[in-house]
């Protein structure tokens, strides 16, 4: 099994990831993730066997339908005004700025979500 670390990201799928090649055993993958967690204890690793293109496409739909990156709620947040253009994030923001806004979007969306709506 080969694991390739991918630092680049797209706006819809806002995270770094590993691409796995020649997977023989799921246990090998689990063991590798456990090793990564020990080596990098400040990170939490999530295992999902998705096609990255499909995951990005699905994430885009969720981002848009849930206004995760902006909307009326964003103007009420304590954000540097230079990050915004008419209530939405500017195109040139770096990863950390985009991640901060996305994280706020999740918190905002969760505040309006009832448990029964999840299912």
PDB file of N, CA and C in Angstrom:
ATOM      1  N   UNK A   1       0.843  -1.173   0.000  1.00  0.00           N
ATOM      2  CA  UNK A   1       0.000   0.000   0.000  1.00  0.00           C
ATOM      3  C   UNK A   1       0.889   1.237   0.000  1.00  0.00           C
ATOM      4  N   UNK A   2       0.528   2.195  -0.822  1.00  0.00           N
ATOM      5  CA  UNK A   2       1.220   3.479  -0.851  1.00  0.00           C
ATOM      6  C   UNK A   2       0.227   4.561  -0.452  1.00  0.00           C
ATOM      7  N   UNK A   3       0.680   5.494   0.390  1.00  0.00           N
ATOM      8  CA  UNK A   3      -0.157   6.616   0.800  1.00  0.00           C
ATOM      9  C   UNK A   3       0.510   7.897   0.312  1.00  0.00           C
ATOM     10  N   UNK A   4      -0.250   8.660  -0.428  1.00  0.00           N
ATOM     11  CA  UNK A   4       0.249   9.904  -1.003  1.00  0.00           C
ATOM     12  C   UNK A   4      -0.463  11.077  -0.325  1.00  0.00           C
ATOM     13  N   UNK A   5       0.296  11.923   0.338  1.00  0.00           N
ATOM     14  CA  UNK A   5      -0.258  13.098   1.021  1.00  0.00           C
ATOM     15  C   UNK A   5      -0.540  14.183  -0.015  1.00  0.00           C
ATOM     16  N   UNK A   6      -1.745  14.741   0.017  1.00  0.00           N
ATOM     17  CA  UNK A   6      -2.140  15.784  -0.936  1.00  0.00           C
ATOM     18  C   UNK A   6      -2.490  17.044  -0.170  1.00  0.00           C
ATOM     19  N   UNK A   7      -1.698  18.072  -0.332  1.00  0.00           N
ATOM     20  CA  UNK A   7      -1.933  19.309   0.393  1.00  0.00           C
ATOM     21  C   UNK A   7      -2.866  20.236  -0.361  1.00  0.00           C
ATOM     22  N   UNK A   8      -2.913  20.138  -1.664  1.00  0.00           N
ATOM     23  CA  UNK A   8      -3.785  21.050  -2.401  1.00  0.00           C
ATOM     24  C   UNK A   8      -5.238  20.743  -2.072  1.00  0.00           C
ATOM     25  N   UNK A   9      -6.063  21.697  -2.220  1.00  0.00           N
ATOM     26  CA  UNK A   9      -7.476  21.535  -1.911  1.00  0.00           C
ATOM     27  C   UNK A   9      -8.268  22.345  -2.914  1.00  0.00           C
ATOM     28  N   UNK A  10      -9.521  22.054  -2.997  1.00  0.00           N
ATOM     29  CA  UNK A  10     -10.406  22.885  -3.804  1.00  0.00           C
ATOM     30  C   UNK A  10     -11.350  23.603  -2.839  1.00  0.00           C
ATOM     31  N   UNK A  11     -12.018  24.627  -3.304  1.00  0.00           N
ATOM     32  CA  UNK A  11     -12.881  25.424  -2.438  1.00  0.00           C
ATOM     33  C   UNK A  11     -14.036  24.623  -1.860  1.00  0.00           C
ATOM     34  N   UNK A  12     -14.502  23.616  -2.575  1.00  0.00           N
ATOM     35  CA  UNK A  12     -15.652  22.857  -2.106  1.00  0.00           C
ATOM     36  C   UNK A  12     -15.263  21.832  -1.052  1.00  0.00           C
ATOM     37  N   UNK A  13     -14.155  21.184  -1.250  1.00  0.00           N
ATOM     38  CA  UNK A  13     -13.685  20.151  -0.340  1.00  0.00           C
ATOM     39  C   UNK A  13     -12.489  20.724   0.393  1.00  0.00           C
ATOM     40  N   UNK A  14     -12.742  21.487   1.430  1.00  0.00           N
ATOM     41  CA  UNK A  14     -11.736  22.331   2.061  1.00  0.00           C
ATOM     42  C   UNK A  14     -10.939  21.563   3.114  1.00  0.00           C
ATOM     43  N   UNK A  15     -10.106  20.653   2.653  1.00  0.00           N
ATOM     44  CA  UNK A  15      -9.225  19.947   3.569  1.00  0.00           C
ATOM     45  C   UNK A  15      -8.103  19.291   2.769  1.00  0.00           C
ATOM     46  N   UNK A  16      -7.069  18.946   3.487  1.00  0.00           N
ATOM     47  CA  UNK A  16      -5.987  18.185   2.899  1.00  0.00           C
ATOM     48  C   UNK A  16      -6.370  16.710   2.994  1.00  0.00           C
ATOM     49  N   UNK A  17      -5.714  15.865   2.241  1.00  0.00           N
ATOM     50  CA  UNK A  17      -6.119  14.464   2.246  1.00  0.00           C
ATOM     51  C   UNK A  17      -4.979  13.561   1.809  1.00  0.00           C
ATOM     52  N   UNK A  18      -5.187  12.291   1.989  1.00  0.00           N
ATOM     53  CA  UNK A  18      -4.253  11.274   1.525  1.00  0.00           C
ATOM     54  C   UNK A  18      -4.931  10.488   0.408  1.00  0.00           C
ATOM     55  N   UNK A  19      -4.177  10.156  -0.585  1.00  0.00           N
ATOM     56  CA  UNK A  19      -4.664   9.283  -1.645  1.00  0.00           C
ATOM     57  C   UNK A  19      -3.980   7.938  -1.472  1.00  0.00           C
ATOM     58  N   UNK A  20      -4.762   6.885  -1.485  1.00  0.00           N
ATOM     59  CA  UNK A  20      -4.254   5.538  -1.220  1.00  0.00           C
ATOM     60  C   UNK A  20      -4.152   4.776  -2.537  1.00  0.00           C
ATOM     61  N   UNK A  21      -3.030   4.130  -2.711  1.00  0.00           N
ATOM     62  CA  UNK A  21      -2.795   3.328  -3.913  1.00  0.00           C
ATOM     63  C   UNK A  21      -2.480   1.890  -3.500  1.00  0.00           C
ATOM     64  N   UNK A  22      -2.961   0.958  -4.277  1.00  0.00           N
ATOM     65  CA  UNK A  22      -2.639  -0.457  -4.105  1.00  0.00           C
ATOM     66  C   UNK A  22      -3.005  -0.982  -2.716  1.00  0.00           C
ATOM     67  N   UNK A  23      -4.201  -0.656  -2.280  1.00  0.00           N
ATOM     68  CA  UNK A  23      -4.689  -1.131  -0.982  1.00  0.00           C
ATOM     69  C   UNK A  23      -4.969  -2.633  -1.076  1.00  0.00           C
ATOM     70  N   UNK A  24      -4.360  -3.392  -0.194  1.00  0.00           N
ATOM     71  CA  UNK A  24      -4.545  -4.835  -0.160  1.00  0.00           C
ATOM     72  C   UNK A  24      -5.471  -5.229   0.980  1.00  0.00           C
ATOM     73  N   UNK A  25      -5.312  -4.542   2.111  1.00  0.00           N
ATOM     74  CA  UNK A  25      -6.060  -4.914   3.306  1.00  0.00           C
ATOM     75  C   UNK A  25      -6.549  -3.654   4.021  1.00  0.00           C
ATOM     76  N   UNK A  26      -7.796  -3.654   4.432  1.00  0.00           N
ATOM     77  CA  UNK A  26      -8.326  -2.536   5.196  1.00  0.00           C
ATOM     78  C   UNK A  26      -7.599  -2.421   6.536  1.00  0.00           C
ATOM     79  N   UNK A  27      -7.146  -3.532   7.074  1.00  0.00           N
ATOM     80  CA  UNK A  27      -6.393  -3.495   8.331  1.00  0.00           C
ATOM     81  C   UNK A  27      -5.090  -2.731   8.161  1.00  0.00           C
ATOM     82  N   UNK A  28      -4.429  -2.871   7.004  1.00  0.00           N
ATOM     83  CA  UNK A  28      -3.213  -2.098   6.739  1.00  0.00           C
ATOM     84  C   UNK A  28      -3.511  -0.603   6.798  1.00  0.00           C
ATOM     85  N   UNK A  29      -4.636  -0.202   6.252  1.00  0.00           N
ATOM     86  CA  UNK A  29      -5.037   1.201   6.267  1.00  0.00           C
ATOM     87  C   UNK A  29      -5.304   1.675   7.694  1.00  0.00           C
ATOM     88  N   UNK A  30      -6.024   0.886   8.451  1.00  0.00           N
ATOM     89  CA  UNK A  30      -6.322   1.234   9.849  1.00  0.00           C
ATOM     90  C   UNK A  30      -5.029   1.362  10.656  1.00  0.00           C
ATOM     91  N   UNK A  31      -4.111   0.450  10.462  1.00  0.00           N
ATOM     92  CA  UNK A  31      -2.828   0.508  11.170  1.00  0.00           C
ATOM     93  C   UNK A  31      -2.050   1.771  10.795  1.00  0.00           C
ATOM     94  N   UNK A  32      -2.085   2.123   9.527  1.00  0.00           N
ATOM     95  CA  UNK A  32      -1.380   3.323   9.068  1.00  0.00           C
ATOM     96  C   UNK A  32      -1.998   4.591   9.675  1.00  0.00           C
ATOM     97  N   UNK A  33      -3.299   4.643   9.759  1.00  0.00           N
ATOM     98  CA  UNK A  33      -3.975   5.803  10.353  1.00  0.00           C
ATOM     99  C   UNK A  33      -3.660   5.902  11.838  1.00  0.00           C
ATOM    100  N   UNK A  34      -3.640   4.780  12.534  1.00  0.00           N
ATOM    101  CA  UNK A  34      -3.271   4.783  13.955  1.00  0.00           C
ATOM    102  C   UNK A  34      -1.853   5.333  14.134  1.00  0.00           C
ATOM    103  N   UNK A  35      -0.958   4.932  13.257  1.00  0.00           N
ATOM    104  CA  UNK A  35       0.416   5.416  13.313  1.00  0.00           C
ATOM    105  C   UNK A  35       0.464   6.929  13.065  1.00  0.00           C
ATOM    106  N   UNK A  36      -0.287   7.406  12.093  1.00  0.00           N
ATOM    107  CA  UNK A  36      -0.342   8.845  11.814  1.00  0.00           C
ATOM    108  C   UNK A  36      -0.882   9.631  13.004  1.00  0.00           C
ATOM    109  N   UNK A  37      -1.906   9.092  13.665  1.00  0.00           N
ATOM    110  CA  UNK A  37      -2.481   9.771  14.827  1.00  0.00           C
ATOM    111  C   UNK A  37      -1.492   9.865  15.984  1.00  0.00           C
ATOM    112  N   UNK A  38      -0.673   8.849  16.155  1.00  0.00           N
ATOM    113  CA  UNK A  38       0.351   8.879  17.209  1.00  0.00           C
ATOM    114  C   UNK A  38       1.425   9.919  16.859  1.00  0.00           C
ATOM    115  N   UNK A  39       1.834   9.940  15.603  1.00  0.00           N
ATOM    116  CA  UNK A  39       2.875  10.871  15.162  1.00  0.00           C
ATOM    117  C   UNK A  39       2.383  12.325  15.142  1.00  0.00           C
ATOM    118  N   UNK A  40       1.094  12.525  14.929  1.00  0.00           N
ATOM    119  CA  UNK A  40       0.517  13.862  14.779  1.00  0.00           C
ATOM    120  C   UNK A  40      -0.700  13.988  15.680  1.00  0.00           C
ATOM    121  N   UNK A  41      -0.474  14.007  16.969  1.00  0.00           N
ATOM    122  CA  UNK A  41      -1.584  13.922  17.926  1.00  0.00           C
ATOM    123  C   UNK A  41      -2.531  15.122  17.898  1.00  0.00           C
ATOM    124  N   UNK A  42      -2.143  16.236  17.309  1.00  0.00           N
ATOM    125  CA  UNK A  42      -3.053  17.384  17.270  1.00  0.00           C
ATOM    126  C   UNK A  42      -4.079  17.266  16.132  1.00  0.00           C
ATOM    127  N   UNK A  43      -3.954  16.246  15.304  1.00  0.00           N
ATOM    128  CA  UNK A  43      -4.888  16.032  14.197  1.00  0.00           C
ATOM    129  C   UNK A  43      -5.782  14.835  14.461  1.00  0.00           C
ATOM    130  N   UNK A  44      -6.964  14.884  13.909  1.00  0.00           N
ATOM    131  CA  UNK A  44      -7.890  13.750  13.940  1.00  0.00           C
ATOM    132  C   UNK A  44      -8.062  13.277  12.505  1.00  0.00           C
ATOM    133  N   UNK A  45      -7.834  12.032  12.270  1.00  0.00           N
ATOM    134  CA  UNK A  45      -7.929  11.470  10.929  1.00  0.00           C
ATOM    135  C   UNK A  45      -9.270  10.774  10.753  1.00  0.00           C
ATOM    136  N   UNK A  46      -9.869  10.987   9.620  1.00  0.00           N
ATOM    137  CA  UNK A  46     -11.139  10.358   9.275  1.00  0.00           C
ATOM    138  C   UNK A  46     -10.885   9.491   8.053  1.00  0.00           C
ATOM    139  N   UNK A  47     -11.288   8.247   8.127  1.00  0.00           N
ATOM    140  CA  UNK A  47     -11.104   7.341   6.993  1.00  0.00           C
ATOM    141  C   UNK A  47     -12.416   7.275   6.217  1.00  0.00           C
ATOM    142  N   UNK A  48     -12.335   7.570   4.954  1.00  0.00           N
ATOM    143  CA  UNK A  48     -13.473   7.390   4.065  1.00  0.00           C
ATOM    144  C   UNK A  48     -12.918   6.968   2.714  1.00  0.00           C
ATOM    145  N   UNK A  49     -13.467   5.946   2.161  1.00  0.00           N
ATOM    146  CA  UNK A  49     -12.966   5.430   0.886  1.00  0.00           C
ATOM    147  C   UNK A  49     -13.813   6.016  -0.249  1.00  0.00           C
ATOM    148  N   UNK A  50     -13.600   7.296  -0.505  1.00  0.00           N
ATOM    149  CA  UNK A  50     -14.345   8.014  -1.531  1.00  0.00           C
ATOM    150  C   UNK A  50     -13.447   8.362  -2.696  1.00  0.00           C
ATOM    151  N   UNK A  51     -14.061   8.554  -3.808  1.00  0.00           N
ATOM    152  CA  UNK A  51     -13.383   9.150  -4.944  1.00  0.00           C
ATOM    153  C   UNK A  51     -13.326  10.649  -4.655  1.00  0.00           C
ATOM    154  N   UNK A  52     -12.139  11.253  -4.679  1.00  0.00           N
ATOM    155  CA  UNK A  52     -11.982  12.650  -4.283  1.00  0.00           C
ATOM    156  C   UNK A  52     -12.801  13.589  -5.174  1.00  0.00           C
ATOM    157  N   UNK A  53     -12.910  13.279  -6.441  1.00  0.00           N
ATOM    158  CA  UNK A  53     -13.712  14.131  -7.330  1.00  0.00           C
ATOM    159  C   UNK A  53     -15.183  14.087  -6.934  1.00  0.00           C
ATOM    160  N   UNK A  54     -15.685  12.909  -6.635  1.00  0.00           N
ATOM    161  CA  UNK A  54     -17.082  12.785  -6.222  1.00  0.00           C
ATOM    162  C   UNK A  54     -17.309  13.443  -4.872  1.00  0.00           C
ATOM    163  N   UNK A  55     -16.374  13.266  -3.948  1.00  0.00           N
ATOM    164  CA  UNK A  55     -16.497  13.886  -2.629  1.00  0.00           C
ATOM    165  C   UNK A  55     -16.506  15.412  -2.749  1.00  0.00           C
ATOM    166  N   UNK A  56     -15.659  15.959  -3.615  1.00  0.00           N
ATOM    167  CA  UNK A  56     -15.636  17.402  -3.829  1.00  0.00           C
ATOM    168  C   UNK A  56     -16.950  17.899  -4.418  1.00  0.00           C
ATOM    169  N   UNK A  57     -17.476  17.165  -5.376  1.00  0.00           N
ATOM    170  CA  UNK A  57     -18.742  17.539  -6.018  1.00  0.00           C
ATOM    171  C   UNK A  57     -19.892  17.527  -5.001  1.00  0.00           C
ATOM    172  N   UNK A  58     -19.963  16.482  -4.189  1.00  0.00           N
ATOM    173  CA  UNK A  58     -21.005  16.380  -3.173  1.00  0.00           C
ATOM    174  C   UNK A  58     -20.839  17.483  -2.129  1.00  0.00           C
ATOM    175  N   UNK A  59     -19.604  17.769  -1.737  1.00  0.00           N
ATOM    176  CA  UNK A  59     -19.345  18.837  -0.778  1.00  0.00           C
ATOM    177  C   UNK A  59     -19.799  20.186  -1.319  1.00  0.00           C
ATOM    178  N   UNK A  60     -19.627  20.400  -2.606  1.00  0.00           N
ATOM    179  CA  UNK A  60     -20.062  21.652  -3.232  1.00  0.00           C
ATOM    180  C   UNK A  60     -21.564  21.821  -3.069  1.00  0.00           C
ATOM    181  N   UNK A  61     -22.326  20.764  -3.284  1.00  0.00           N
ATOM    182  CA  UNK A  61     -23.786  20.850  -3.127  1.00  0.00           C
ATOM    183  C   UNK A  61     -24.159  21.189  -1.687  1.00  0.00           C
ATOM    184  N   UNK A  62     -23.512  20.562  -0.739  1.00  0.00           N
ATOM    185  CA  UNK A  62     -23.797  20.828   0.666  1.00  0.00           C
ATOM    186  C   UNK A  62     -23.421  22.252   1.036  1.00  0.00           C
ATOM    187  N   UNK A  63     -22.261  22.688   0.563  1.00  0.00           N
ATOM    188  CA  UNK A  63     -21.804  24.054   0.843  1.00  0.00           C
ATOM    189  C   UNK A  63     -22.818  25.072   0.342  1.00  0.00           C
ATOM    190  N   UNK A  64     -23.294  24.864  -0.861  1.00  0.00           N
ATOM    191  CA  UNK A  64     -24.225  25.821  -1.463  1.00  0.00           C
ATOM    192  C   UNK A  64     -25.609  25.750  -0.815  1.00  0.00           C
ATOM    193  N   UNK A  65     -26.136  24.578  -0.623  1.00  0.00           N
ATOM    194  CA  UNK A  65     -27.504  24.460  -0.101  1.00  0.00           C
ATOM    195  C   UNK A  65     -27.600  24.859   1.359  1.00  0.00           C
ATOM    196  N   UNK A  66     -26.485  24.837   2.081  1.00  0.00           N
ATOM    197  CA  UNK A  66     -26.492  25.201   3.496  1.00  0.00           C
ATOM    198  C   UNK A  66     -25.824  26.547   3.778  1.00  0.00           C
ATOM    199  N   UNK A  67     -25.485  27.294   2.724  1.00  0.00           N
ATOM    200  CA  UNK A  67     -24.831  28.606   2.875  1.00  0.00           C
ATOM    201  C   UNK A  67     -23.650  28.561   3.839  1.00  0.00           C
ATOM    202  N   UNK A  68     -22.784  27.563   3.670  1.00  0.00           N
ATOM    203  CA  UNK A  68     -21.664  27.400   4.600  1.00  0.00           C
ATOM    204  C   UNK A  68     -20.600  28.476   4.455  1.00  0.00           C
ATOM    205  N   UNK A  69     -20.508  29.096   3.294  1.00  0.00           N
ATOM    206  CA  UNK A  69     -19.455  30.087   3.075  1.00  0.00           C
ATOM    207  C   UNK A  69     -19.962  31.521   3.063  1.00  0.00           C
ATOM    208  N   UNK A  70     -21.182  31.740   3.409  1.00  0.00           N
ATOM    209  CA  UNK A  70     -21.640  33.125   3.434  1.00  0.00           C
ATOM    210  C   UNK A  70     -23.132  33.246   3.321  1.00  0.00           C
ATOM    211  N   UNK A  71     -23.563  34.459   3.361  1.00  0.00           N
ATOM    212  CA  UNK A  71     -24.975  34.777   3.336  1.00  0.00           C
ATOM    213  C   UNK A  71     -25.260  35.806   4.404  1.00  0.00           C
ATOM    214  N   UNK A  72     -26.492  35.953   4.740  1.00  0.00           N
ATOM    215  CA  UNK A  72     -26.870  36.953   5.731  1.00  0.00           C
ATOM    216  C   UNK A  72     -26.163  36.761   7.060  1.00  0.00           C
ATOM    217  N   UNK A  73     -25.969  35.530   7.476  1.00  0.00           N
ATOM    218  CA  UNK A  73     -25.351  35.256   8.767  1.00  0.00           C
ATOM    219  C   UNK A  73     -23.920  35.772   8.858  1.00  0.00           C
ATOM    220  N   UNK A  74     -23.183  35.766   7.742  1.00  0.00           N
ATOM    221  CA  UNK A  74     -21.762  36.107   7.769  1.00  0.00           C
ATOM    222  C   UNK A  74     -21.532  37.570   8.130  1.00  0.00           C
ATOM    223  N   UNK A  75     -22.430  38.452   7.720  1.00  0.00           N
ATOM    224  CA  UNK A  75     -22.251  39.867   8.041  1.00  0.00           C
ATOM    225  C   UNK A  75     -22.411  40.137   9.533  1.00  0.00           C
ATOM    226  N   UNK A  76     -23.016  39.208  10.270  1.00  0.00           N
ATOM    227  CA  UNK A  76     -23.183  39.358  11.714  1.00  0.00           C
ATOM    228  C   UNK A  76     -22.000  38.809  12.506  1.00  0.00           C
ATOM    229  N   UNK A  77     -21.058  38.178  11.832  1.00  0.00           N
ATOM    230  CA  UNK A  77     -19.893  37.604  12.506  1.00  0.00           C
ATOM    231  C   UNK A  77     -18.792  38.661  12.638  1.00  0.00           C
ATOM    232  N   UNK A  78     -17.900  38.425  13.564  1.00  0.00           N
ATOM    233  CA  UNK A  78     -16.783  39.336  13.786  1.00  0.00           C
ATOM    234  C   UNK A  78     -15.634  38.947  12.857  1.00  0.00           C
ATOM    235  N   UNK A  79     -15.763  39.329  11.587  1.00  0.00           N
ATOM    236  CA  UNK A  79     -14.773  38.973  10.561  1.00  0.00           C
ATOM    237  C   UNK A  79     -14.181  40.254   9.998  1.00  0.00           C
ATOM    238  N   UNK A  80     -12.916  40.199   9.708  1.00  0.00           N
ATOM    239  CA  UNK A  80     -12.246  41.326   9.066  1.00  0.00           C
ATOM    240  C   UNK A  80     -12.980  41.642   7.767  1.00  0.00           C
ATOM    241  N   UNK A  81     -13.404  42.876   7.609  1.00  0.00           N
ATOM    242  CA  UNK A  81     -14.200  43.252   6.429  1.00  0.00           C
ATOM    243  C   UNK A  81     -13.430  43.073   5.128  1.00  0.00           C
ATOM    244  N   UNK A  82     -12.095  43.045   5.190  1.00  0.00           N
ATOM    245  CA  UNK A  82     -11.309  42.847   3.962  1.00  0.00           C
ATOM    246  C   UNK A  82     -11.448  41.428   3.416  1.00  0.00           C
ATOM    247  N   UNK A  83     -11.998  40.514   4.214  1.00  0.00           N
ATOM    248  CA  UNK A  83     -12.207  39.135   3.769  1.00  0.00           C
ATOM    249  C   UNK A  83     -13.453  39.014   2.900  1.00  0.00           C
ATOM    250  N   UNK A  84     -14.335  40.000   2.932  1.00  0.00           N
ATOM    251  CA  UNK A  84     -15.661  39.868   2.325  1.00  0.00           C
ATOM    252  C   UNK A  84     -15.868  40.796   1.137  1.00  0.00           C
ATOM    253  N   UNK A  85     -16.720  40.336   0.254  1.00  0.00           N
ATOM    254  CA  UNK A  85     -17.181  41.130  -0.881  1.00  0.00           C
ATOM    255  C   UNK A  85     -18.690  40.925  -0.976  1.00  0.00           C
ATOM    256  N   UNK A  86     -19.449  41.925  -0.588  1.00  0.00           N
ATOM    257  CA  UNK A  86     -20.919  41.875  -0.579  1.00  0.00           C
ATOM    258  C   UNK A  86     -21.449  40.686   0.226  1.00  0.00           C
ATOM    259  N   UNK A  87     -20.858  40.446   1.381  1.00  0.00           N
ATOM    260  CA  UNK A  87     -21.342  39.407   2.284  1.00  0.00           C
ATOM    261  C   UNK A  87     -20.813  38.012   2.017  1.00  0.00           C
ATOM    262  N   UNK A  88     -19.967  37.865   1.008  1.00  0.00           N
ATOM    263  CA  UNK A  88     -19.395  36.552   0.688  1.00  0.00           C
ATOM    264  C   UNK A  88     -17.871  36.642   0.701  1.00  0.00           C
ATOM    265  N   UNK A  89     -17.202  35.525   0.963  1.00  0.00           N
ATOM    266  CA  UNK A  89     -15.732  35.546   1.010  1.00  0.00           C
ATOM    267  C   UNK A  89     -15.125  35.957  -0.329  1.00  0.00           C
ATOM    268  N   UNK A  90     -14.070  36.739  -0.259  1.00  0.00           N
ATOM    269  CA  UNK A  90     -13.338  37.117  -1.479  1.00  0.00           C
ATOM    270  C   UNK A  90     -12.653  35.872  -2.053  1.00  0.00           C
ATOM    271  N   UNK A  91     -12.403  35.908  -3.336  1.00  0.00           N
ATOM    272  CA  UNK A  91     -11.807  34.762  -4.033  1.00  0.00           C
ATOM    273  C   UNK A  91     -10.383  34.453  -3.573  1.00  0.00           C
ATOM    274  N   UNK A  92      -9.616  35.452  -3.206  1.00  0.00           N
ATOM    275  CA  UNK A  92      -8.183  35.263  -2.955  1.00  0.00           C
ATOM    276  C   UNK A  92      -7.828  34.865  -1.518  1.00  0.00           C
ATOM    277  N   UNK A  93      -8.798  34.563  -0.685  1.00  0.00           N
ATOM    278  CA  UNK A  93      -8.495  34.201   0.697  1.00  0.00           C
ATOM    279  C   UNK A  93      -7.625  32.949   0.757  1.00  0.00           C
ATOM    280  N   UNK A  94      -6.775  32.893   1.778  1.00  0.00           N
ATOM    281  CA  UNK A  94      -5.932  31.706   1.932  1.00  0.00           C
ATOM    282  C   UNK A  94      -6.715  30.588   2.623  1.00  0.00           C
ATOM    283  N   UNK A  95      -6.094  29.445   2.747  1.00  0.00           N
ATOM    284  CA  UNK A  95      -6.752  28.268   3.312  1.00  0.00           C
ATOM    285  C   UNK A  95      -7.295  28.547   4.710  1.00  0.00           C
ATOM    286  N   UNK A  96      -6.464  29.132   5.580  1.00  0.00           N
ATOM    287  CA  UNK A  96      -6.886  29.370   6.963  1.00  0.00           C
ATOM    288  C   UNK A  96      -8.088  30.306   7.038  1.00  0.00           C
ATOM    289  N   UNK A  97      -8.110  31.335   6.212  1.00  0.00           N
ATOM    290  CA  UNK A  97      -9.244  32.257   6.199  1.00  0.00           C
ATOM    291  C   UNK A  97     -10.511  31.543   5.714  1.00  0.00           C
ATOM    292  N   UNK A  98     -10.383  30.784   4.635  1.00  0.00           N
ATOM    293  CA  UNK A  98     -11.542  30.043   4.117  1.00  0.00           C
ATOM    294  C   UNK A  98     -12.043  29.022   5.130  1.00  0.00           C
ATOM    295  N   UNK A  99     -11.109  28.347   5.789  1.00  0.00           N
ATOM    296  CA  UNK A  99     -11.490  27.342   6.776  1.00  0.00           C
ATOM    297  C   UNK A  99     -12.220  27.992   7.948  1.00  0.00           C
ATOM    298  N   UNK A 100     -11.753  29.150   8.392  1.00  0.00           N
ATOM    299  CA  UNK A 100     -12.403  29.878   9.484  1.00  0.00           C
ATOM    300  C   UNK A 100     -13.852  30.201   9.127  1.00  0.00           C
ATOM    301  N   UNK A 101     -14.064  30.684   7.925  1.00  0.00           N
ATOM    302  CA  UNK A 101     -15.422  31.019   7.487  1.00  0.00           C
ATOM    303  C   UNK A 101     -16.279  29.764   7.375  1.00  0.00           C
ATOM    304  N   UNK A 102     -15.726  28.689   6.816  1.00  0.00           N
ATOM    305  CA  UNK A 102     -16.481  27.438   6.681  1.00  0.00           C
ATOM    306  C   UNK A 102     -16.862  26.896   8.053  1.00  0.00           C
ATOM    307  N   UNK A 103     -15.943  26.971   9.006  1.00  0.00           N
ATOM    308  CA  UNK A 103     -16.216  26.499  10.361  1.00  0.00           C
ATOM    309  C   UNK A 103     -17.355  27.320  10.980  1.00  0.00           C
ATOM    310  N   UNK A 104     -17.339  28.623  10.777  1.00  0.00           N
ATOM    311  CA  UNK A 104     -18.443  29.471  11.258  1.00  0.00           C
ATOM    312  C   UNK A 104     -19.752  29.077  10.590  1.00  0.00           C
ATOM    313  N   UNK A 105     -19.680  28.739   9.301  1.00  0.00           N
ATOM    314  CA  UNK A 105     -20.878  28.313   8.571  1.00  0.00           C
ATOM    315  C   UNK A 105     -21.485  27.054   9.150  1.00  0.00           C
ATOM    316  N   UNK A 106     -20.627  26.102   9.517  1.00  0.00           N
ATOM    317  CA  UNK A 106     -21.132  24.886  10.148  1.00  0.00           C
ATOM    318  C   UNK A 106     -21.809  25.196  11.472  1.00  0.00           C
ATOM    319  N   UNK A 107     -21.158  26.025  12.288  1.00  0.00           N
ATOM    320  CA  UNK A 107     -21.739  26.376  13.588  1.00  0.00           C
ATOM    321  C   UNK A 107     -23.062  27.112  13.401  1.00  0.00           C
ATOM    322  N   UNK A 108     -23.112  28.008  12.436  1.00  0.00           N
ATOM    323  CA  UNK A 108     -24.352  28.734  12.166  1.00  0.00           C
ATOM    324  C   UNK A 108     -25.455  27.765  11.728  1.00  0.00           C
ATOM    325  N   UNK A 109     -25.118  26.865  10.805  1.00  0.00           N
ATOM    326  CA  UNK A 109     -26.103  25.901  10.314  1.00  0.00           C
ATOM    327  C   UNK A 109     -26.589  24.962  11.396  1.00  0.00           C
ATOM    328  N   UNK A 110     -25.687  24.550  12.263  1.00  0.00           N
ATOM    329  CA  UNK A 110     -26.071  23.641  13.345  1.00  0.00           C
ATOM    330  C   UNK A 110     -27.014  24.307  14.335  1.00  0.00           C
ATOM    331  N   UNK A 111     -26.860  25.607  14.513  1.00  0.00           N
ATOM    332  CA  UNK A 111     -27.719  26.295  15.482  1.00  0.00           C
ATOM    333  C   UNK A 111     -29.188  26.285  15.038  1.00  0.00           C
ATOM    334  N   UNK A 112     -29.427  26.136  13.740  1.00  0.00           N
ATOM    335  CA  UNK A 112     -30.794  26.113  13.217  1.00  0.00           C
ATOM    336  C   UNK A 112     -31.310  24.704  12.925  1.00  0.00           C
ATOM    337  N   UNK A 113     -30.510  23.704  13.210  1.00  0.00           N
ATOM    338  CA  UNK A 113     -30.862  22.324  12.856  1.00  0.00           C
ATOM    339  C   UNK A 113     -31.391  21.578  14.069  1.00  0.00           C
ATOM    340  N   UNK A 114     -32.530  20.943  13.864  1.00  0.00           N
ATOM    341  CA  UNK A 114     -33.110  20.107  14.908  1.00  0.00           C
ATOM    342  C   UNK A 114     -32.686  18.652  14.668  1.00  0.00           C
ATOM    343  N   UNK A 115     -32.566  17.915  15.727  1.00  0.00           N
ATOM    344  CA  UNK A 115     -32.128  16.530  15.651  1.00  0.00           C
ATOM    345  C   UNK A 115     -32.953  15.724  14.648  1.00  0.00           C
ATOM    346  N   UNK A 116     -34.259  15.929  14.635  1.00  0.00           N
ATOM    347  CA  UNK A 116     -35.150  15.168  13.762  1.00  0.00           C
ATOM    348  C   UNK A 116     -34.872  15.443  12.273  1.00  0.00           C
ATOM    349  N   UNK A 117     -34.304  16.595  11.958  1.00  0.00           N
ATOM    350  CA  UNK A 117     -34.038  16.955  10.565  1.00  0.00           C
ATOM    351  C   UNK A 117     -32.857  16.194   9.967  1.00  0.00           C
ATOM    352  N   UNK A 118     -32.044  15.617  10.806  1.00  0.00           N
ATOM    353  CA  UNK A 118     -30.853  14.932  10.334  1.00  0.00           C
ATOM    354  C   UNK A 118     -31.203  13.655   9.574  1.00  0.00           C
ATOM    355  N   UNK A 119     -32.291  13.033   9.953  1.00  0.00           N
ATOM    356  CA  UNK A 119     -32.643  11.738   9.373  1.00  0.00           C
ATOM    357  C   UNK A 119     -33.638  11.857   8.252  1.00  0.00           C
TER     358      UNK A 119
END
